[in-house]
PDB file of N, CA and C in Angstrom:
ATOM      1  N   SER A   1     -44.281  10.303 -29.231  1.00  0.00           N
ATOM      2  CA  SER A   1     -43.514   9.358 -30.037  1.00  0.00           C
ATOM      3  C   SER A   1     -44.113   7.971 -29.907  1.00  0.00           C
ATOM      4  N   PHE A   2     -44.047   7.227 -30.972  1.00  0.00           N
ATOM      5  CA  PHE A   2     -44.516   5.854 -30.958  1.00  0.00           C
ATOM      6  C   PHE A   2     -43.342   4.941 -31.247  1.00  0.00           C
ATOM      7  N   PHE A   3     -43.269   3.833 -30.527  1.00  0.00           N
ATOM      8  CA  PHE A   3     -42.187   2.887 -30.698  1.00  0.00           C
ATOM      9  C   PHE A   3     -42.764   1.544 -31.098  1.00  0.00           C
ATOM     10  N   PHE A   4     -42.136   0.896 -32.035  1.00  0.00           N
ATOM     11  CA  PHE A   4     -42.604  -0.403 -32.510  1.00  0.00           C
ATOM     12  C   PHE A   4     -41.451  -1.390 -32.490  1.00  0.00           C
ATOM     13  N   PHE A   5     -41.768  -2.632 -32.113  1.00  0.00           N
ATOM     14  CA  PHE A   5     -40.784  -3.697 -32.234  1.00  0.00           C
ATOM     15  C   PHE A   5     -40.774  -4.143 -33.682  1.00  0.00           C
ATOM     16  N   LYS A   6     -39.624  -4.201 -34.279  1.00  0.00           N
ATOM     17  CA  LYS A   6     -39.529  -4.641 -35.662  1.00  0.00           C
ATOM     18  C   LYS A   6     -38.955  -6.050 -35.677  1.00  0.00           C
ATOM     19  N   GLN A   7     -39.501  -6.882 -36.524  1.00  0.00           N
ATOM     20  CA  GLN A   7     -39.096  -8.283 -36.563  1.00  0.00           C
ATOM     21  C   GLN A   7     -37.603  -8.425 -36.797  1.00  0.00           C
ATOM     22  N   LYS A   8     -37.031  -7.682 -37.725  1.00  0.00           N
ATOM     23  CA  LYS A   8     -35.611  -7.813 -38.002  1.00  0.00           C
ATOM     24  C   LYS A   8     -34.769  -7.439 -36.788  1.00  0.00           C
ATOM     25  N   THR A   9     -35.225  -6.496 -35.979  1.00  0.00           N
ATOM     26  CA  THR A   9     -34.479  -6.101 -34.790  1.00  0.00           C
ATOM     27  C   THR A   9     -34.513  -7.215 -33.743  1.00  0.00           C
ATOM     28  N   ALA A  10     -35.666  -7.825 -33.569  1.00  0.00           N
ATOM     29  CA  ALA A  10     -35.812  -8.838 -32.532  1.00  0.00           C
ATOM     30  C   ALA A  10     -35.082 -10.127 -32.873  1.00  0.00           C
ATOM     31  N   TYR A  11     -34.936 -10.448 -34.134  1.00  0.00           N
ATOM     32  CA  TYR A  11     -34.376 -11.742 -34.507  1.00  0.00           C
ATOM     33  C   TYR A  11     -33.055 -11.672 -35.259  1.00  0.00           C
ATOM     34  N   GLU A  12     -32.643 -10.492 -35.652  1.00  0.00           N
ATOM     35  CA  GLU A  12     -31.476 -10.352 -36.502  1.00  0.00           C
ATOM     36  C   GLU A  12     -30.186 -10.782 -35.811  1.00  0.00           C
ATOM     37  N   MET A  13     -30.000 -10.368 -34.564  1.00  0.00           N
ATOM     38  CA  MET A  13     -28.735 -10.603 -33.893  1.00  0.00           C
ATOM     39  C   MET A  13     -28.522 -12.072 -33.538  1.00  0.00           C
ATOM     40  N   GLN A  14     -29.517 -12.693 -32.950  1.00  0.00           N
ATOM     41  CA  GLN A  14     -29.426 -14.098 -32.577  1.00  0.00           C
ATOM     42  C   GLN A  14     -30.769 -14.738 -32.860  1.00  0.00           C
ATOM     43  N   ARG A  15     -30.733 -15.951 -33.374  1.00  0.00           N
ATOM     44  CA  ARG A  15     -31.970 -16.612 -33.740  1.00  0.00           C
ATOM     45  C   ARG A  15     -32.653 -17.286 -32.556  1.00  0.00           C
ATOM     46  N   GLY A  16     -31.937 -17.523 -31.482  1.00  0.00           N
ATOM     47  CA  GLY A  16     -32.501 -18.241 -30.345  1.00  0.00           C
ATOM     48  C   GLY A  16     -33.413 -17.378 -29.490  1.00  0.00           C
ATOM     49  N   LEU A  17     -34.211 -18.036 -28.660  1.00  0.00           N
ATOM     50  CA  LEU A  17     -35.140 -17.348 -27.774  1.00  0.00           C
ATOM     51  C   LEU A  17     -34.401 -16.426 -26.817  1.00  0.00           C
ATOM     52  N   VAL A  18     -33.257 -16.870 -26.310  1.00  0.00           N
ATOM     53  CA  VAL A  18     -32.489 -16.036 -25.374  1.00  0.00           C
ATOM     54  C   VAL A  18     -32.054 -14.747 -26.062  1.00  0.00           C
ATOM     55  N   GLY A  19     -31.614 -14.830 -27.310  1.00  0.00           N
ATOM     56  CA  GLY A  19     -31.222 -13.641 -28.057  1.00  0.00           C
ATOM     57  C   GLY A  19     -32.383 -12.697 -28.265  1.00  0.00           C
ATOM     58  N   SER A  20     -33.540 -13.253 -28.574  1.00  0.00           N
ATOM     59  CA  SER A  20     -34.741 -12.431 -28.779  1.00  0.00           C
ATOM     60  C   SER A  20     -35.147 -11.744 -27.481  1.00  0.00           C
ATOM     61  N   GLU A  21     -35.111 -12.477 -26.375  1.00  0.00           N
ATOM     62  CA  GLU A  21     -35.466 -11.883 -25.085  1.00  0.00           C
ATOM     63  C   GLU A  21     -34.499 -10.765 -24.718  1.00  0.00           C
ATOM     64  N   MET A  22     -33.217 -10.982 -24.972  1.00  0.00           N
ATOM     65  CA  MET A  22     -32.232  -9.944 -24.668  1.00  0.00           C
ATOM     66  C   MET A  22     -32.479  -8.709 -25.521  1.00  0.00           C
ATOM     67  N   CYS A  23     -32.820  -8.914 -26.791  1.00  0.00           N
ATOM     68  CA  CYS A  23     -33.113  -7.802 -27.685  1.00  0.00           C
ATOM     69  C   CYS A  23     -34.325  -7.018 -27.190  1.00  0.00           C
ATOM     70  N   ILE A  24     -35.356  -7.723 -26.778  1.00  0.00           N
ATOM     71  CA  ILE A  24     -36.570  -7.082 -26.289  1.00  0.00           C
ATOM     72  C   ILE A  24     -36.267  -6.287 -25.019  1.00  0.00           C
ATOM     73  N   LYS A  25     -35.501  -6.868 -24.109  1.00  0.00           N
ATOM     74  CA  LYS A  25     -35.142  -6.156 -22.878  1.00  0.00           C
ATOM     75  C   LYS A  25     -34.389  -4.868 -23.195  1.00  0.00           C
ATOM     76  N   ARG A  26     -33.444  -4.946 -24.146  1.00  0.00           N
ATOM     77  CA  ARG A  26     -32.689  -3.742 -24.536  1.00  0.00           C
ATOM     78  C   ARG A  26     -33.617  -2.706 -25.160  1.00  0.00           C
ATOM     79  N   GLN A  27     -34.559  -3.150 -26.000  1.00  0.00           N
ATOM     80  CA  GLN A  27     -35.481  -2.210 -26.622  1.00  0.00           C
ATOM     81  C   GLN A  27     -36.363  -1.532 -25.574  1.00  0.00           C
ATOM     82  N   LEU A  28     -36.866  -2.308 -24.623  1.00  0.00           N
ATOM     83  CA  LEU A  28     -37.700  -1.722 -23.570  1.00  0.00           C
ATOM     84  C   LEU A  28     -36.897  -0.724 -22.735  1.00  0.00           C
ATOM     85  N   GLN A  29     -35.668  -1.084 -22.405  1.00  0.00           N
ATOM     86  CA  GLN A  29     -34.823  -0.169 -21.637  1.00  0.00           C
ATOM     87  C   GLN A  29     -34.555   1.109 -22.414  1.00  0.00           C
ATOM     88  N   ASP A  30     -34.373   0.986 -23.728  1.00  0.00           N
ATOM     89  CA  ASP A  30     -34.153   2.164 -24.569  1.00  0.00           C
ATOM     90  C   ASP A  30     -35.406   3.040 -24.623  1.00  0.00           C
ATOM     91  N   ILE A  31     -36.573   2.415 -24.753  1.00  0.00           N
ATOM     92  CA  ILE A  31     -37.836   3.158 -24.769  1.00  0.00           C
ATOM     93  C   ILE A  31     -38.004   3.929 -23.465  1.00  0.00           C
ATOM     94  N   ILE A  32     -37.743   3.263 -22.342  1.00  0.00           N
ATOM     95  CA  ILE A  32     -37.877   3.917 -21.031  1.00  0.00           C
ATOM     96  C   ILE A  32     -36.854   5.038 -20.884  1.00  0.00           C
ATOM     97  N   ARG A  33     -35.625   4.788 -21.321  1.00  0.00           N
ATOM     98  CA  ARG A  33     -34.576   5.810 -21.243  1.00  0.00           C
ATOM     99  C   ARG A  33     -34.997   7.063 -22.011  1.00  0.00           C
ATOM    100  N   ARG A  34     -35.542   6.870 -23.224  1.00  0.00           N
ATOM    101  CA  ARG A  34     -35.988   8.017 -24.021  1.00  0.00           C
ATOM    102  C   ARG A  34     -37.180   8.720 -23.370  1.00  0.00           C
ATOM    103  N   PHE A  35     -38.079   7.949 -22.777  1.00  0.00           N
ATOM    104  CA  PHE A  35     -39.221   8.541 -22.083  1.00  0.00           C
ATOM    105  C   PHE A  35     -38.752   9.377 -20.899  1.00  0.00           C
ATOM    106  N   MET A  36     -37.767   8.879 -20.168  1.00  0.00           N
ATOM    107  CA  MET A  36     -37.267   9.576 -18.981  1.00  0.00           C
ATOM    108  C   MET A  36     -36.605  10.908 -19.339  1.00  0.00           C
ATOM    109  N   LYS A  37     -36.155  11.063 -20.580  1.00  0.00           N
ATOM    110  CA  LYS A  37     -35.524  12.307 -21.015  1.00  0.00           C
ATOM    111  C   LYS A  37     -36.545  13.417 -21.271  1.00  0.00           C
ATOM    112  N   ILE A  38     -37.821  13.057 -21.367  1.00  0.00           N
ATOM    113  CA  ILE A  38     -38.858  14.066 -21.597  1.00  0.00           C
ATOM    114  C   ILE A  38     -38.970  14.933 -20.354  1.00  0.00           C
ATOM    115  N   LYS A  39     -38.828  16.229 -20.524  1.00  0.00           N
ATOM    116  CA  LYS A  39     -38.884  17.149 -19.388  1.00  0.00           C
ATOM    117  C   LYS A  39     -40.267  17.096 -18.748  1.00  0.00           C
ATOM    118  N   GLY A  40     -40.295  16.948 -17.435  1.00  0.00           N
ATOM    119  CA  GLY A  40     -41.548  16.911 -16.695  1.00  0.00           C
ATOM    120  C   GLY A  40     -42.346  15.630 -16.902  1.00  0.00           C
ATOM    121  N   HIS A  41     -41.668  14.552 -17.272  1.00  0.00           N
ATOM    122  CA  HIS A  41     -42.379  13.290 -17.514  1.00  0.00           C
ATOM    123  C   HIS A  41     -43.050  12.774 -16.242  1.00  0.00           C
ATOM    124  N   ALA A  42     -44.154  12.129 -16.423  1.00  0.00           N
ATOM    125  CA  ALA A  42     -44.853  11.436 -15.330  1.00  0.00           C
ATOM    126  C   ALA A  42     -45.233  10.068 -15.865  1.00  0.00           C
ATOM    127  N   TRP A  43     -45.115   9.047 -15.027  1.00  0.00           N
ATOM    128  CA  TRP A  43     -45.426   7.690 -15.484  1.00  0.00           C
ATOM    129  C   TRP A  43     -46.841   7.584 -16.026  1.00  0.00           C
ATOM    130  N   SER A  44     -47.748   8.374 -15.510  1.00  0.00           N
ATOM    131  CA  SER A  44     -49.123   8.326 -16.004  1.00  0.00           C
ATOM    132  C   SER A  44     -49.210   8.769 -17.470  1.00  0.00           C
ATOM    133  N   ASP A  45     -48.188   9.491 -17.951  1.00  0.00           N
ATOM    134  CA  ASP A  45     -48.141   9.923 -19.351  1.00  0.00           C
ATOM    135  C   ASP A  45     -47.536   8.875 -20.281  1.00  0.00           C
ATOM    136  N   PHE A  46     -46.934   7.835 -19.727  1.00  0.00           N
ATOM    137  CA  PHE A  46     -46.220   6.841 -20.535  1.00  0.00           C
ATOM    138  C   PHE A  46     -47.087   6.265 -21.659  1.00  0.00           C
ATOM    139  N   PRO A  47     -48.309   5.777 -21.380  1.00  0.00           N
ATOM    140  CA  PRO A  47     -49.106   5.207 -22.473  1.00  0.00           C
ATOM    141  C   PRO A  47     -49.519   6.232 -23.536  1.00  0.00           C
ATOM    142  N   GLY A  48     -49.542   7.498 -23.198  1.00  0.00           N
ATOM    143  CA  GLY A  48     -49.843   8.534 -24.173  1.00  0.00           C
ATOM    144  C   GLY A  48     -48.653   8.901 -25.044  1.00  0.00           C
ATOM    145  N   LYS A  49     -47.451   8.554 -24.583  1.00  0.00           N
ATOM    146  CA  LYS A  49     -46.230   8.863 -25.319  1.00  0.00           C
ATOM    147  C   LYS A  49     -45.643   7.642 -26.006  1.00  0.00           C
ATOM    148  N   VAL A  50     -45.977   6.448 -25.512  1.00  0.00           N
ATOM    149  CA  VAL A  50     -45.390   5.205 -26.022  1.00  0.00           C
ATOM    150  C   VAL A  50     -46.509   4.240 -26.406  1.00  0.00           C
ATOM    151  N   ALA A  51     -46.450   3.732 -27.610  1.00  0.00           N
ATOM    152  CA  ALA A  51     -47.373   2.689 -28.046  1.00  0.00           C
ATOM    153  C   ALA A  51     -46.534   1.547 -28.607  1.00  0.00           C
ATOM    154  N   ILE A  52     -46.724   0.354 -28.088  1.00  0.00           N
ATOM    155  CA  ILE A  52     -45.980  -0.816 -28.562  1.00  0.00           C
ATOM    156  C   ILE A  52     -46.984  -1.773 -29.185  1.00  0.00           C
ATOM    157  N   GLN A  53     -46.821  -1.988 -30.478  1.00  0.00           N
ATOM    158  CA  GLN A  53     -47.712  -2.854 -31.233  1.00  0.00           C
ATOM    159  C   GLN A  53     -47.053  -4.221 -31.414  1.00  0.00           C
ATOM    160  N   LEU A  54     -47.703  -5.248 -30.939  1.00  0.00           N
ATOM    161  CA  LEU A  54     -47.228  -6.616 -31.118  1.00  0.00           C
ATOM    162  C   LEU A  54     -48.143  -7.303 -32.120  1.00  0.00           C
ATOM    163  N   ASN A  55     -47.594  -8.268 -32.840  1.00  0.00           N
ATOM    164  CA  ASN A  55     -48.445  -9.117 -33.657  1.00  0.00           C
ATOM    165  C   ASN A  55     -47.939 -10.542 -33.570  1.00  0.00           C
ATOM    166  N   ASP A  56     -48.504 -11.429 -34.333  1.00  0.00           N
ATOM    167  CA  ASP A  56     -48.203 -12.845 -34.154  1.00  0.00           C
ATOM    168  C   ASP A  56     -46.763 -13.215 -34.493  1.00  0.00           C
ATOM    169  N   THR A  57     -45.970 -12.328 -35.046  1.00  0.00           N
ATOM    170  CA  THR A  57     -44.571 -12.627 -35.315  1.00  0.00           C
ATOM    171  C   THR A  57     -43.636 -12.007 -34.282  1.00  0.00           C
ATOM    172  N   HIS A  58     -44.172 -11.307 -33.304  1.00  0.00           N
ATOM    173  CA  HIS A  58     -43.351 -10.625 -32.308  1.00  0.00           C
ATOM    174  C   HIS A  58     -43.567 -11.244 -30.933  1.00  0.00           C
ATOM    175  N   PRO A  59     -42.489 -11.473 -30.200  1.00  0.00           N
ATOM    176  CA  PRO A  59     -42.594 -12.111 -28.880  1.00  0.00           C
ATOM    177  C   PRO A  59     -43.412 -11.285 -27.893  1.00  0.00           C
ATOM    178  N   SER A  60     -44.379 -11.931 -27.305  1.00  0.00           N
ATOM    179  CA  SER A  60     -45.230 -11.253 -26.324  1.00  0.00           C
ATOM    180  C   SER A  60     -44.561 -11.175 -24.958  1.00  0.00           C
ATOM    181  N   ILE A  61     -43.350 -11.693 -24.826  1.00  0.00           N
ATOM    182  CA  ILE A  61     -42.607 -11.620 -23.568  1.00  0.00           C
ATOM    183  C   ILE A  61     -42.367 -10.165 -23.167  1.00  0.00           C
ATOM    184  N   ALA A  62     -42.503  -9.243 -24.102  1.00  0.00           N
ATOM    185  CA  ALA A  62     -42.311  -7.815 -23.799  1.00  0.00           C
ATOM    186  C   ALA A  62     -43.326  -7.323 -22.772  1.00  0.00           C
ATOM    187  N   ILE A  63     -44.516  -7.905 -22.748  1.00  0.00           N
ATOM    188  CA  ILE A  63     -45.559  -7.455 -21.817  1.00  0.00           C
ATOM    189  C   ILE A  63     -45.152  -7.718 -20.369  1.00  0.00           C
ATOM    190  N   PRO A  64     -44.873  -8.969 -19.981  1.00  0.00           N
ATOM    191  CA  PRO A  64     -44.456  -9.170 -18.582  1.00  0.00           C
ATOM    192  C   PRO A  64     -43.093  -8.561 -18.267  1.00  0.00           C
ATOM    193  N   GLU A  65     -42.245  -8.408 -19.290  1.00  0.00           N
ATOM    194  CA  GLU A  65     -40.938  -7.803 -19.046  1.00  0.00           C
ATOM    195  C   GLU A  65     -41.076  -6.321 -18.693  1.00  0.00           C
ATOM    196  N   LEU A  66     -41.949  -5.588 -19.375  1.00  0.00           N
ATOM    197  CA  LEU A  66     -42.167  -4.189 -19.015  1.00  0.00           C
ATOM    198  C   LEU A  66     -42.780  -4.100 -17.618  1.00  0.00           C
ATOM    199  N   LEU A  67     -43.698  -4.984 -17.309  1.00  0.00           N
ATOM    200  CA  LEU A  67     -44.297  -5.021 -15.967  1.00  0.00           C
ATOM    201  C   LEU A  67     -43.212  -5.244 -14.917  1.00  0.00           C
ATOM    202  N   ARG A  68     -42.311  -6.194 -15.173  1.00  0.00           N
ATOM    203  CA  ARG A  68     -41.211  -6.483 -14.247  1.00  0.00           C
ATOM    204  C   ARG A  68     -40.301  -5.270 -14.075  1.00  0.00           C
ATOM    205  N   ILE A  69     -39.963  -4.616 -15.174  1.00  0.00           N
ATOM    206  CA  ILE A  69     -39.077  -3.446 -15.118  1.00  0.00           C
ATOM    207  C   ILE A  69     -39.713  -2.340 -14.269  1.00  0.00           C
ATOM    208  N   LEU A  70     -40.976  -2.058 -14.506  1.00  0.00           N
ATOM    209  CA  LEU A  70     -41.642  -0.985 -13.761  1.00  0.00           C
ATOM    210  C   LEU A  70     -41.707  -1.290 -12.264  1.00  0.00           C
ATOM    211  N   ILE A  71     -41.976  -2.548 -11.922  1.00  0.00           N
ATOM    212  CA  ILE A  71     -42.093  -2.940 -10.514  1.00  0.00           C
ATOM    213  C   ILE A  71     -40.719  -3.045  -9.853  1.00  0.00           C
ATOM    214  N   ASP A  72     -39.800  -3.783 -10.474  1.00  0.00           N
ATOM    215  CA  ASP A  72     -38.499  -4.052  -9.849  1.00  0.00           C
ATOM    216  C   ASP A  72     -37.527  -2.879  -9.947  1.00  0.00           C
ATOM    217  N   ASP A  73     -37.439  -2.277 -11.120  1.00  0.00           N
ATOM    218  CA  ASP A  73     -36.434  -1.238 -11.329  1.00  0.00           C
ATOM    219  C   ASP A  73     -36.904   0.153 -10.916  1.00  0.00           C
ATOM    220  N   TYR A  74     -38.220   0.394 -10.961  1.00  0.00           N
ATOM    221  CA  TYR A  74     -38.749   1.720 -10.642  1.00  0.00           C
ATOM    222  C   TYR A  74     -39.661   1.702  -9.417  1.00  0.00           C
ATOM    223  N   GLN A  75     -39.686   0.583  -8.681  1.00  0.00           N
ATOM    224  CA  GLN A  75     -40.448   0.431  -7.433  1.00  0.00           C
ATOM    225  C   GLN A  75     -41.901   0.919  -7.570  1.00  0.00           C
ATOM    226  N   MET A  76     -42.503   0.627  -8.720  1.00  0.00           N
ATOM    227  CA  MET A  76     -43.879   1.037  -8.964  1.00  0.00           C
ATOM    228  C   MET A  76     -44.827   0.008  -8.362  1.00  0.00           C
ATOM    229  N   PRO A  77     -45.908   0.430  -7.721  1.00  0.00           N
ATOM    230  CA  PRO A  77     -46.896  -0.524  -7.218  1.00  0.00           C
ATOM    231  C   PRO A  77     -47.487  -1.335  -8.374  1.00  0.00           C
ATOM    232  N   TYR A  78     -47.831  -2.594  -8.087  1.00  0.00           N
ATOM    233  CA  TYR A  78     -48.311  -3.509  -9.126  1.00  0.00           C
ATOM    234  C   TYR A  78     -49.485  -2.933  -9.910  1.00  0.00           C
ATOM    235  N   GLN A  79     -50.512  -2.410  -9.242  1.00  0.00           N
ATOM    236  CA  GLN A  79     -51.711  -1.928  -9.934  1.00  0.00           C
ATOM    237  C   GLN A  79     -51.381  -0.787 -10.901  1.00  0.00           C
ATOM    238  N   GLU A  80     -50.506   0.113 -10.487  1.00  0.00           N
ATOM    239  CA  GLU A  80     -50.107   1.227 -11.356  1.00  0.00           C
ATOM    240  C   GLU A  80     -49.323   0.705 -12.567  1.00  0.00           C
ATOM    241  N   ALA A  81     -48.382  -0.200 -12.307  1.00  0.00           N
ATOM    242  CA  ALA A  81     -47.593  -0.787 -13.398  1.00  0.00           C
ATOM    243  C   ALA A  81     -48.480  -1.558 -14.370  1.00  0.00           C
ATOM    244  N   TYR A  82     -49.411  -2.335 -13.833  1.00  0.00           N
ATOM    245  CA  TYR A  82     -50.328  -3.101 -14.679  1.00  0.00           C
ATOM    246  C   TYR A  82     -51.170  -2.169 -15.551  1.00  0.00           C
ATOM    247  N   SER A  83     -51.656  -1.087 -14.990  1.00  0.00           N
ATOM    248  CA  SER A  83     -52.464  -0.135 -15.741  1.00  0.00           C
ATOM    249  C   SER A  83     -51.657   0.479 -16.886  1.00  0.00           C
ATOM    250  N   ILE A  84     -50.417   0.838 -16.620  1.00  0.00           N
ATOM    251  CA  ILE A  84     -49.551   1.416 -17.654  1.00  0.00           C
ATOM    252  C   ILE A  84     -49.284   0.409 -18.760  1.00  0.00           C
ATOM    253  N   VAL A  85     -48.924  -0.813 -18.382  1.00  0.00           N
ATOM    254  CA  VAL A  85     -48.636  -1.855 -19.373  1.00  0.00           C
ATOM    255  C   VAL A  85     -49.882  -2.157 -20.206  1.00  0.00           C
ATOM    256  N   ASN A  86     -51.017  -2.239 -19.554  1.00  0.00           N
ATOM    257  CA  ASN A  86     -52.277  -2.542 -20.237  1.00  0.00           C
ATOM    258  C   ASN A  86     -52.615  -1.479 -21.290  1.00  0.00           C
ATOM    259  N   LYS A  87     -52.280  -0.231 -21.020  1.00  0.00           N
ATOM    260  CA  LYS A  87     -52.587   0.860 -21.942  1.00  0.00           C
ATOM    261  C   LYS A  87     -51.502   1.068 -22.993  1.00  0.00           C
ATOM    262  N   THR A  88     -50.319   0.483 -22.786  1.00  0.00           N
ATOM    263  CA  THR A  88     -49.180   0.700 -23.681  1.00  0.00           C
ATOM    264  C   THR A  88     -49.156  -0.278 -24.851  1.00  0.00           C
ATOM    265  N   PHE A  89     -49.512  -1.535 -24.591  1.00  0.00           N
ATOM    266  CA  PHE A  89     -49.413  -2.575 -25.625  1.00  0.00           C
ATOM    267  C   PHE A  89     -50.706  -2.755 -26.391  1.00  0.00           C
ATOM    268  N   SER A  90     -50.558  -3.030 -27.664  1.00  0.00           N
ATOM    269  CA  SER A  90     -51.670  -3.431 -28.526  1.00  0.00           C
ATOM    270  C   SER A  90     -51.236  -4.690 -29.252  1.00  0.00           C
ATOM    271  N   TYR A  91     -52.195  -5.500 -29.629  1.00  0.00           N
ATOM    272  CA  TYR A  91     -51.885  -6.777 -30.274  1.00  0.00           C
ATOM    273  C   TYR A  91     -52.750  -6.938 -31.513  1.00  0.00           C
ATOM    274  N   THR A  92     -52.120  -7.327 -32.597  1.00  0.00           N
ATOM    275  CA  THR A  92     -52.832  -7.640 -33.829  1.00  0.00           C
ATOM    276  C   THR A  92     -52.488  -9.072 -34.204  1.00  0.00           C
ATOM    277  N   CYS A  93     -53.477  -9.893 -34.365  1.00  0.00           N
ATOM    278  CA  CYS A  93     -53.253 -11.279 -34.775  1.00  0.00           C
ATOM    279  C   CYS A  93     -53.558 -11.382 -36.265  1.00  0.00           C
ATOM    280  N   LEU A  94     -52.522 -11.290 -37.064  1.00  0.00           N
ATOM    281  CA  LEU A  94     -52.688 -11.325 -38.510  1.00  0.00           C
ATOM    282  C   LEU A  94     -52.977 -12.733 -39.017  1.00  0.00           C
ATOM    283  N   LEU A  95     -52.589 -13.725 -38.257  1.00  0.00           N
ATOM    284  CA  LEU A  95     -52.729 -15.114 -38.687  1.00  0.00           C
ATOM    285  C   LEU A  95     -54.180 -15.513 -38.878  1.00  0.00           C
ATOM    286  N   TYR A  96     -55.082 -14.937 -38.116  1.00  0.00           N
ATOM    287  CA  TYR A  96     -56.466 -15.391 -38.153  1.00  0.00           C
ATOM    288  C   TYR A  96     -57.390 -14.528 -38.994  1.00  0.00           C
ATOM    289  N   THR A  97     -56.816 -13.727 -39.874  1.00  0.00           N
ATOM    290  CA  THR A  97     -57.687 -13.067 -40.845  1.00  0.00           C
ATOM    291  C   THR A  97     -58.184 -14.142 -41.793  1.00  0.00           C
ATOM    292  N   SER A  98     -59.276 -13.943 -42.451  1.00  0.00           N
ATOM    293  CA  SER A  98     -59.845 -14.993 -43.300  1.00  0.00           C
ATOM    294  C   SER A  98     -58.882 -15.412 -44.397  1.00  0.00           C
ATOM    295  N   ASP A  99     -58.130 -14.476 -44.973  1.00  0.00           N
ATOM    296  CA  ASP A  99     -57.179 -14.829 -46.024  1.00  0.00           C
ATOM    297  C   ASP A  99     -56.062 -15.711 -45.492  1.00  0.00           C
ATOM    298  N   ALA A 100     -55.513 -15.360 -44.342  1.00  0.00           N
ATOM    299  CA  ALA A 100     -54.412 -16.140 -43.769  1.00  0.00           C
ATOM    300  C   ALA A 100     -54.895 -17.493 -43.282  1.00  0.00           C
ATOM    301  N   ALA A 101     -56.068 -17.555 -42.713  1.00  0.00           N
ATOM    302  CA  ALA A 101     -56.587 -18.810 -42.177  1.00  0.00           C
ATOM    303  C   ALA A 101     -56.819 -19.839 -43.281  1.00  0.00           C
ATOM    304  N   ASP A 102     -57.163 -19.381 -44.473  1.00  0.00           N
ATOM    305  CA  ASP A 102     -57.395 -20.310 -45.580  1.00  0.00           C
ATOM    306  C   ASP A 102     -56.127 -21.058 -45.954  1.00  0.00           C
ATOM    307  N   ASP A 103     -54.967 -20.458 -45.753  1.00  0.00           N
ATOM    308  CA  ASP A 103     -53.694 -21.076 -46.123  1.00  0.00           C
ATOM    309  C   ASP A 103     -53.012 -21.789 -44.973  1.00  0.00           C
ATOM    310  N   THR A 104     -53.550 -21.726 -43.777  1.00  0.00           N
ATOM    311  CA  THR A 104     -52.891 -22.269 -42.598  1.00  0.00           C
ATOM    312  C   THR A 104     -53.616 -23.513 -42.098  1.00  0.00           C
ATOM    313  N   PRO A 105     -52.962 -24.691 -42.153  1.00  0.00           N
ATOM    314  CA  PRO A 105     -53.617 -25.902 -41.673  1.00  0.00           C
ATOM    315  C   PRO A 105     -53.708 -25.970 -40.151  1.00  0.00           C
ATOM    316  N   GLY A 106     -52.799 -25.340 -39.433  1.00  0.00           N
ATOM    317  CA  GLY A 106     -52.803 -25.359 -37.975  1.00  0.00           C
ATOM    318  C   GLY A 106     -51.804 -24.354 -37.449  1.00  0.00           C
ATOM    319  N   VAL A 107     -51.838 -24.124 -36.156  1.00  0.00           N
ATOM    320  CA  VAL A 107     -50.938 -23.169 -35.523  1.00  0.00           C
ATOM    321  C   VAL A 107     -50.105 -23.917 -34.502  1.00  0.00           C
ATOM    322  N   ASP A 108     -48.777 -23.854 -34.643  1.00  0.00           N
ATOM    323  CA  ASP A 108     -47.875 -24.521 -33.719  1.00  0.00           C
ATOM    324  C   ASP A 108     -47.763 -23.699 -32.444  1.00  0.00           C
ATOM    325  N   LEU A 109     -48.026 -24.335 -31.307  1.00  0.00           N
ATOM    326  CA  LEU A 109     -47.942 -23.656 -30.014  1.00  0.00           C
ATOM    327  C   LEU A 109     -46.798 -24.230 -29.178  1.00  0.00           C
ATOM    328  N   GLY A 110     -45.662 -24.481 -29.819  1.00  0.00           N
ATOM    329  CA  GLY A 110     -44.508 -25.001 -29.109  1.00  0.00           C
ATOM    330  C   GLY A 110     -44.696 -26.441 -28.669  1.00  0.00           C
ATOM    331  N   GLY A 111     -45.153 -27.276 -29.525  1.00  0.00           N
ATOM    332  CA  GLY A 111     -45.327 -28.696 -29.203  1.00  0.00           C
ATOM    333  C   GLY A 111     -46.750 -29.167 -29.385  1.00  0.00           C
ATOM    334  N   SER A 112     -47.696 -28.283 -29.174  1.00  0.00           N
ATOM    335  CA  SER A 112     -49.082 -28.623 -29.447  1.00  0.00           C
ATOM    336  C   SER A 112     -49.569 -27.656 -30.518  1.00  0.00           C
ATOM    337  N   SER A 113     -50.656 -27.982 -31.139  1.00  0.00           N
ATOM    338  CA  SER A 113     -51.141 -27.089 -32.182  1.00  0.00           C
ATOM    339  C   SER A 113     -52.650 -26.994 -32.183  1.00  0.00           C
ATOM    340  N   ILE A 114     -53.124 -25.914 -32.702  1.00  0.00           N
ATOM    341  CA  ILE A 114     -54.551 -25.717 -32.908  1.00  0.00           C
ATOM    342  C   ILE A 114     -54.816 -25.985 -34.378  1.00  0.00           C
ATOM    343  N   MET A 115     -55.692 -26.898 -34.663  1.00  0.00           N
ATOM    344  CA  MET A 115     -55.984 -27.242 -36.046  1.00  0.00           C
ATOM    345  C   MET A 115     -57.187 -26.458 -36.533  1.00  0.00           C
ATOM    346  N   LYS A 116     -57.124 -26.021 -37.751  1.00  0.00           N
ATOM    347  CA  LYS A 116     -58.229 -25.301 -38.361  1.00  0.00           C
ATOM    348  C   LYS A 116     -59.311 -26.289 -38.766  1.00  0.00           C
ATOM    349  N   LYS A 117     -60.541 -25.989 -38.435  1.00  0.00           N
ATOM    350  CA  LYS A 117     -61.651 -26.847 -38.829  1.00  0.00           C
ATOM    351  C   LYS A 117     -61.948 -26.644 -40.298  1.00  0.00           C
ATOM    352  N   LYS A 118     -62.214 -27.713 -40.988  1.00  0.00           N
ATOM    353  CA  LYS A 118     -62.561 -27.629 -42.417  1.00  0.00           C
ATOM    354  C   LYS A 118     -64.026 -27.831 -42.598  1.00  0.00           C
TER     355      LYS A 118
END
């Protein structure tokens, strides 16, 4: 099974960052709960059963949050948890395709921005 964060799910309930983080935590917990129901599951199989695709409109806080869950809630050693997280997430930056970059004067980074060279 593949699981994806959908923009409407992450932002629909509450527009604030706290609401988005809570939504992401619930989604990760749901993904793990469903994975745990697989008969004979092993954590080493997690990246083969779960793929989480992030892009520039989805909060990347899911990456350290999954790492935290695996370490704190499942007492997984850091290296094992890091390996699982590294293999589970993928990232697509749609903003920097040539078509999108032509229409974007700069990228807001929460107070600072990267300006596109002309």
